[in-house]
Amino acid sequence: MKKAVLVLLLATITQSLLAQKIVKNEVDEFTGHSVKETSWTTFTSKSKLYSYTRLRKVDNTCFLGFKMVTKGVVCSVKEGETLFFKLSNNEIMKVTNLDHEITSVGAGAASVSWSNVLGLHLKCSLNKDQIAKLNKHNIVKVRVNTSVGYIEAELKEKQSLKFKKALALL
């Protein structure tokens, strides 16, 4: 009996760790646009790069929110700069940052954690071809080009699966 309860408890905890949810699903009353948005989730948790992602769909356009902690490093990411994803089939996907971003306190935080350190909040669009590739292949590595060089980290399979689940929600 104790083993059954323990297995059930572990399954529930594992499922909640992989949980993604829609936090916004509405039609904007001023513009008439349909807006869907997922919750923020940890993307990488390496010492080199701690980051979060969120997906947002406005009508038929999908956007990637990418927050990263810079741990005291002041830098920027230019509009048009590339965010690289290495996929499990060894393909390199290039995603473009939409706005010039400069580090600021709390910008890399998705909750209270990391809210008092420097970070960046990048916004990128994803086209249908990119979404199809991301649904088919896991992301195994990410690289962000900044004004002071690039920062990269490998993803754990669990984190890549969470990202895929968020894609499926939209």
C-alpha atoms as a PDB file:
ATOM      1  CA  MET A   1       0.000   0.000   0.000  1.00  0.00           C
ATOM      2  CA  LYS A   2       2.802   2.407   0.901  1.00  0.00           C
ATOM      3  CA  LYS A   3       4.525   1.675  -2.406  1.00  0.00           C
ATOM      4  CA  ALA A   4       1.344   2.393  -4.355  1.00  0.00           C
ATOM      5  CA  VAL A   5       0.900   5.746  -2.595  1.00  0.00           C
ATOM      6  CA  LEU A   6       4.555   6.620  -3.183  1.00  0.00           C
ATOM      7  CA  VAL A   7       4.320   5.753  -6.892  1.00  0.00           C
ATOM      8  CA  LEU A   8       1.138   7.820  -7.233  1.00  0.00           C
ATOM      9  CA  LEU A   9       2.758  10.751  -5.423  1.00  0.00           C
ATOM     10  CA  LEU A  10       5.876  10.611  -7.624  1.00  0.00           C
ATOM     11  CA  ALA A  11       3.753  10.418 -10.785  1.00  0.00           C
ATOM     12  CA  THR A  12       1.746  13.449  -9.688  1.00  0.00           C
ATOM     13  CA  ILE A  13       4.874  15.475  -8.884  1.00  0.00           C
ATOM     14  CA  THR A  14       6.491  14.516 -12.211  1.00  0.00           C
ATOM     15  CA  GLN A  15       3.350  15.480 -14.115  1.00  0.00           C
ATOM     16  CA  SER A  16       3.135  18.844 -12.358  1.00  0.00           C
ATOM     17  CA  LEU A  17       6.781  19.569 -13.196  1.00  0.00           C
ATOM     18  CA  LEU A  18       6.025  19.029 -16.871  1.00  0.00           C
ATOM     19  CA  ALA A  19       2.758  20.963 -16.648  1.00  0.00           C
ATOM     20  CA  GLN A  20       2.185  23.691 -19.146  1.00  0.00           C
ATOM     21  CA  LYS A  21      -0.947  25.703 -19.213  1.00  0.00           C
ATOM     22  CA  ILE A  22      -2.688  28.426 -21.117  1.00  0.00           C
ATOM     23  CA  VAL A  23      -2.778  31.558 -18.942  1.00  0.00           C
ATOM     24  CA  LYS A  24      -4.530  33.775 -21.488  1.00  0.00           C
ATOM     25  CA  ASN A  25      -7.124  32.757 -24.058  1.00  0.00           C
ATOM     26  CA  GLU A  26      -9.225  35.703 -25.125  1.00  0.00           C
ATOM     27  CA  VAL A  27     -10.260  38.028 -27.889  1.00  0.00           C
ATOM     28  CA  ASP A  28      -8.896  41.532 -27.331  1.00  0.00           C
ATOM     29  CA  GLU A  29     -11.902  43.821 -26.981  1.00  0.00           C
ATOM     30  CA  PHE A  30     -10.154  46.767 -28.678  1.00  0.00           C
ATOM     31  CA  THR A  31      -8.437  45.051 -31.614  1.00  0.00           C
ATOM     32  CA  GLY A  32     -10.552  41.914 -32.071  1.00  0.00           C
ATOM     33  CA  HIS A  33      -7.366  39.800 -32.157  1.00  0.00           C
ATOM     34  CA  SER A  34      -7.422  36.302 -30.696  1.00  0.00           C
ATOM     35  CA  VAL A  35      -4.678  36.004 -28.052  1.00  0.00           C
ATOM     36  CA  LYS A  36      -3.410  32.769 -26.485  1.00  0.00           C
ATOM     37  CA  GLU A  37      -0.473  32.683 -24.086  1.00  0.00           C
ATOM     38  CA  THR A  38       1.269  29.894 -22.176  1.00  0.00           C
ATOM     39  CA  SER A  39       2.775  30.100 -18.719  1.00  0.00           C
ATOM     40  CA  TRP A  40       6.489  30.804 -18.299  1.00  0.00           C
ATOM     41  CA  THR A  41       8.582  27.675 -17.892  1.00  0.00           C
ATOM     42  CA  THR A  42      12.258  27.028 -17.197  1.00  0.00           C
ATOM     43  CA  PHE A  43      14.091  26.518 -20.490  1.00  0.00           C
ATOM     44  CA  THR A  44      17.685  26.082 -19.293  1.00  0.00           C
ATOM     45  CA  SER A  45      18.957  25.948 -15.745  1.00  0.00           C
ATOM     46  CA  LYS A  46      22.680  25.778 -16.355  1.00  0.00           C
ATOM     47  CA  SER A  47      25.091  28.013 -14.465  1.00  0.00           C
ATOM     48  CA  LYS A  48      26.070  29.670 -17.770  1.00  0.00           C
ATOM     49  CA  LEU A  49      22.501  30.358 -18.864  1.00  0.00           C
ATOM     50  CA  TYR A  50      19.396  30.388 -16.704  1.00  0.00           C
ATOM     51  CA  SER A  51      16.399  31.076 -18.925  1.00  0.00           C
ATOM     52  CA  TYR A  52      12.619  30.850 -19.277  1.00  0.00           C
ATOM     53  CA  THR A  53      10.307  30.647 -22.275  1.00  0.00           C
ATOM     54  CA  ARG A  54       6.688  31.433 -22.995  1.00  0.00           C
ATOM     55  CA  LEU A  55       4.700  31.173 -26.206  1.00  0.00           C
ATOM     56  CA  ARG A  56       2.116  33.681 -27.353  1.00  0.00           C
ATOM     57  CA  LYS A  57      -0.147  33.401 -30.357  1.00  0.00           C
ATOM     58  CA  VAL A  58      -1.916  36.458 -31.752  1.00  0.00           C
ATOM     59  CA  ASP A  59      -4.363  35.350 -34.430  1.00  0.00           C
ATOM     60  CA  ASN A  60      -2.103  33.127 -36.596  1.00  0.00           C
ATOM     61  CA  THR A  61       1.266  34.587 -35.567  1.00  0.00           C
ATOM     62  CA  CYS A  62       3.316  32.797 -32.903  1.00  0.00           C
ATOM     63  CA  PHE A  63       5.813  34.627 -30.691  1.00  0.00           C
ATOM     64  CA  LEU A  64       8.511  33.250 -28.404  1.00  0.00           C
ATOM     65  CA  GLY A  65       9.241  35.087 -25.158  1.00  0.00           C
ATOM     66  CA  PHE A  66      12.759  34.284 -23.954  1.00  0.00           C
ATOM     67  CA  LYS A  67      13.968  35.582 -20.592  1.00  0.00           C
ATOM     68  CA  MET A  68      17.528  35.067 -19.446  1.00  0.00           C
ATOM     69  CA  VAL A  69      19.442  35.987 -16.320  1.00  0.00           C
ATOM     70  CA  THR A  70      22.779  37.720 -17.040  1.00  0.00           C
ATOM     71  CA  LYS A  71      24.058  37.496 -13.442  1.00  0.00           C
ATOM     72  CA  GLY A  72      25.480  41.006 -13.157  1.00  0.00           C
ATOM     73  CA  VAL A  73      26.690  41.311 -16.755  1.00  0.00           C
ATOM     74  CA  VAL A  74      25.431  44.444 -18.507  1.00  0.00           C
ATOM     75  CA  CYS A  75      24.783  43.754 -22.185  1.00  0.00           C
ATOM     76  CA  SER A  76      22.271  44.167 -24.962  1.00  0.00           C
ATOM     77  CA  VAL A  77      20.782  42.185 -27.813  1.00  0.00           C
ATOM     78  CA  LYS A  78      20.136  44.148 -30.997  1.00  0.00           C
ATOM     79  CA  GLU A  79      16.928  44.064 -32.991  1.00  0.00           C
ATOM     80  CA  GLY A  80      17.453  41.471 -35.704  1.00  0.00           C
ATOM     81  CA  GLU A  81      20.078  39.543 -33.713  1.00  0.00           C
ATOM     82  CA  THR A  82      19.885  35.757 -33.980  1.00  0.00           C
ATOM     83  CA  LEU A  83      18.926  33.293 -31.273  1.00  0.00           C
ATOM     84  CA  PHE A  84      20.165  29.829 -32.300  1.00  0.00           C
ATOM     85  CA  PHE A  85      18.518  26.495 -31.481  1.00  0.00           C
ATOM     86  CA  LYS A  86      20.374  23.277 -32.235  1.00  0.00           C
ATOM     87  CA  LEU A  87      17.840  20.524 -32.861  1.00  0.00           C
ATOM     88  CA  SER A  88      18.176  16.793 -32.199  1.00  0.00           C
ATOM     89  CA  ASN A  89      18.652  16.185 -35.963  1.00  0.00           C
ATOM     90  CA  ASN A  90      21.719  18.541 -35.809  1.00  0.00           C
ATOM     91  CA  GLU A  91      19.893  21.282 -37.732  1.00  0.00           C
ATOM     92  CA  ILE A  92      20.577  24.826 -36.548  1.00  0.00           C
ATOM     93  CA  MET A  93      17.426  26.952 -36.366  1.00  0.00           C
ATOM     94  CA  LYS A  94      17.797  30.724 -36.408  1.00  0.00           C
ATOM     95  CA  VAL A  95      15.164  32.821 -34.635  1.00  0.00           C
ATOM     96  CA  THR A  96      15.287  36.619 -34.859  1.00  0.00           C
ATOM     97  CA  ASN A  97      14.969  39.008 -31.918  1.00  0.00           C
ATOM     98  CA  LEU A  98      12.269  41.604 -32.699  1.00  0.00           C
ATOM     99  CA  ASP A  99      13.356  44.529 -30.468  1.00  0.00           C
ATOM    100  CA  HIS A 100      16.591  46.016 -29.138  1.00  0.00           C
ATOM    101  CA  GLU A 101      16.887  44.880 -25.506  1.00  0.00           C
ATOM    102  CA  ILE A 102      19.224  46.118 -22.769  1.00  0.00           C
ATOM    103  CA  THR A 103      19.733  44.344 -19.454  1.00  0.00           C
ATOM    104  CA  SER A 104      17.611  45.578 -16.589  1.00  0.00           C
ATOM    105  CA  VAL A 105      16.880  44.410 -13.068  1.00  0.00           C
ATOM    106  CA  GLY A 106      14.266  41.663 -13.108  1.00  0.00           C
ATOM    107  CA  ALA A 107      13.939  41.414 -16.905  1.00  0.00           C
ATOM    108  CA  GLY A 108      15.183  37.809 -16.849  1.00  0.00           C
ATOM    109  CA  ALA A 109      12.805  36.712 -14.101  1.00  0.00           C
ATOM    110  CA  ALA A 110       9.570  34.795 -14.592  1.00  0.00           C
ATOM    111  CA  SER A 111       8.656  34.980 -10.892  1.00  0.00           C
ATOM    112  CA  VAL A 112      10.125  36.343  -7.660  1.00  0.00           C
ATOM    113  CA  SER A 113      13.187  34.190  -8.177  1.00  0.00           C
ATOM    114  CA  TRP A 114      15.887  36.207 -10.054  1.00  0.00           C
ATOM    115  CA  SER A 115      13.773  39.390  -9.819  1.00  0.00           C
ATOM    116  CA  ASN A 116      16.590  41.355  -8.177  1.00  0.00           C
ATOM    117  CA  VAL A 117      19.321  40.574 -10.754  1.00  0.00           C
ATOM    118  CA  LEU A 118      20.076  41.772 -14.272  1.00  0.00           C
ATOM    119  CA  GLY A 119      18.456  40.000 -17.176  1.00  0.00           C
ATOM    120  CA  LEU A 120      17.049  40.276 -20.675  1.00  0.00           C
ATOM    121  CA  HIS A 121      13.591  39.660 -22.129  1.00  0.00           C
ATOM    122  CA  LEU A 122      13.795  38.820 -25.832  1.00  0.00           C
ATOM    123  CA  LYS A 123      10.808  38.538 -28.154  1.00  0.00           C
ATOM    124  CA  CYS A 124      10.980  36.522 -31.375  1.00  0.00           C
ATOM    125  CA  SER A 125       8.454  35.381 -33.963  1.00  0.00           C
ATOM    126  CA  LEU A 126       8.168  31.761 -35.084  1.00  0.00           C
ATOM    127  CA  ASN A 127       6.951  30.904 -38.578  1.00  0.00           C
ATOM    128  CA  LYS A 128       4.961  27.766 -39.459  1.00  0.00           C
ATOM    129  CA  ASP A 129       8.024  25.932 -40.776  1.00  0.00           C
ATOM    130  CA  GLN A 130       9.950  26.608 -37.554  1.00  0.00           C
ATOM    131  CA  ILE A 131       7.008  25.481 -35.424  1.00  0.00           C
ATOM    132  CA  ALA A 132       6.745  22.235 -37.420  1.00  0.00           C
ATOM    133  CA  LYS A 133      10.472  21.549 -36.907  1.00  0.00           C
ATOM    134  CA  LEU A 134      10.240  22.341 -33.184  1.00  0.00           C
ATOM    135  CA  ASN A 135       7.302  19.944 -32.852  1.00  0.00           C
ATOM    136  CA  LYS A 136       9.235  17.192 -34.649  1.00  0.00           C
ATOM    137  CA  HIS A 137      12.697  17.571 -33.094  1.00  0.00           C
ATOM    138  CA  ASN A 138      13.905  18.320 -29.572  1.00  0.00           C
ATOM    139  CA  ILE A 139      15.977  21.414 -28.912  1.00  0.00           C
ATOM    140  CA  VAL A 140      19.323  20.199 -27.568  1.00  0.00           C
ATOM    141  CA  LYS A 141      21.255  23.469 -27.328  1.00  0.00           C
ATOM    142  CA  VAL A 142      20.614  27.215 -27.370  1.00  0.00           C
ATOM    143  CA  ARG A 143      22.949  30.126 -28.128  1.00  0.00           C
ATOM    144  CA  VAL A 144      22.185  33.800 -27.540  1.00  0.00           C
ATOM    145  CA  ASN A 145      24.362  36.468 -29.177  1.00  0.00           C
ATOM    146  CA  THR A 146      24.818  39.547 -26.980  1.00  0.00           C
ATOM    147  CA  SER A 147      26.889  42.720 -27.197  1.00  0.00           C
ATOM    148  CA  VAL A 148      29.580  41.071 -25.023  1.00  0.00           C
ATOM    149  CA  GLY A 149      29.706  37.720 -26.832  1.00  0.00           C
ATOM    150  CA  TYR A 150      27.506  34.691 -26.942  1.00  0.00           C
ATOM    151  CA  ILE A 151      26.054  32.609 -24.132  1.00  0.00           C
ATOM    152  CA  GLU A 152      25.033  29.020 -24.767  1.00  0.00           C
ATOM    153  CA  ALA A 153      23.776  25.995 -22.896  1.00  0.00           C
ATOM    154  CA  GLU A 154      22.579  22.480 -23.550  1.00  0.00           C
ATOM    155  CA  LEU A 155      18.986  21.569 -22.734  1.00  0.00           C
ATOM    156  CA  LYS A 156      17.905  18.577 -20.740  1.00  0.00           C
ATOM    157  CA  GLU A 157      15.381  16.364 -22.517  1.00  0.00           C
ATOM    158  CA  LYS A 158      12.801  17.207 -19.836  1.00  0.00           C
ATOM    159  CA  GLN A 159      13.064  20.911 -20.643  1.00  0.00           C
ATOM    160  CA  SER A 160      12.793  20.321 -24.373  1.00  0.00           C
ATOM    161  CA  LEU A 161       9.665  18.216 -23.830  1.00  0.00           C
ATOM    162  CA  LYS A 162       8.104  21.017 -21.751  1.00  0.00           C
ATOM    163  CA  PHE A 163       8.724  23.406 -24.623  1.00  0.00           C
ATOM    164  CA  LYS A 164       7.086  20.973 -27.074  1.00  0.00           C
ATOM    165  CA  LYS A 165       4.082  20.666 -24.785  1.00  0.00           C
ATOM    166  CA  ALA A 166       3.677  24.449 -24.766  1.00  0.00           C
ATOM    167  CA  LEU A 167       3.757  24.429 -28.577  1.00  0.00           C
ATOM    168  CA  ALA A 168       1.033  21.796 -28.620  1.00  0.00           C
ATOM    169  CA  LEU A 169      -1.196  23.986 -26.456  1.00  0.00           C
ATOM    170  CA  LEU A 170      -1.291  26.722 -29.077  1.00  0.00           C
END
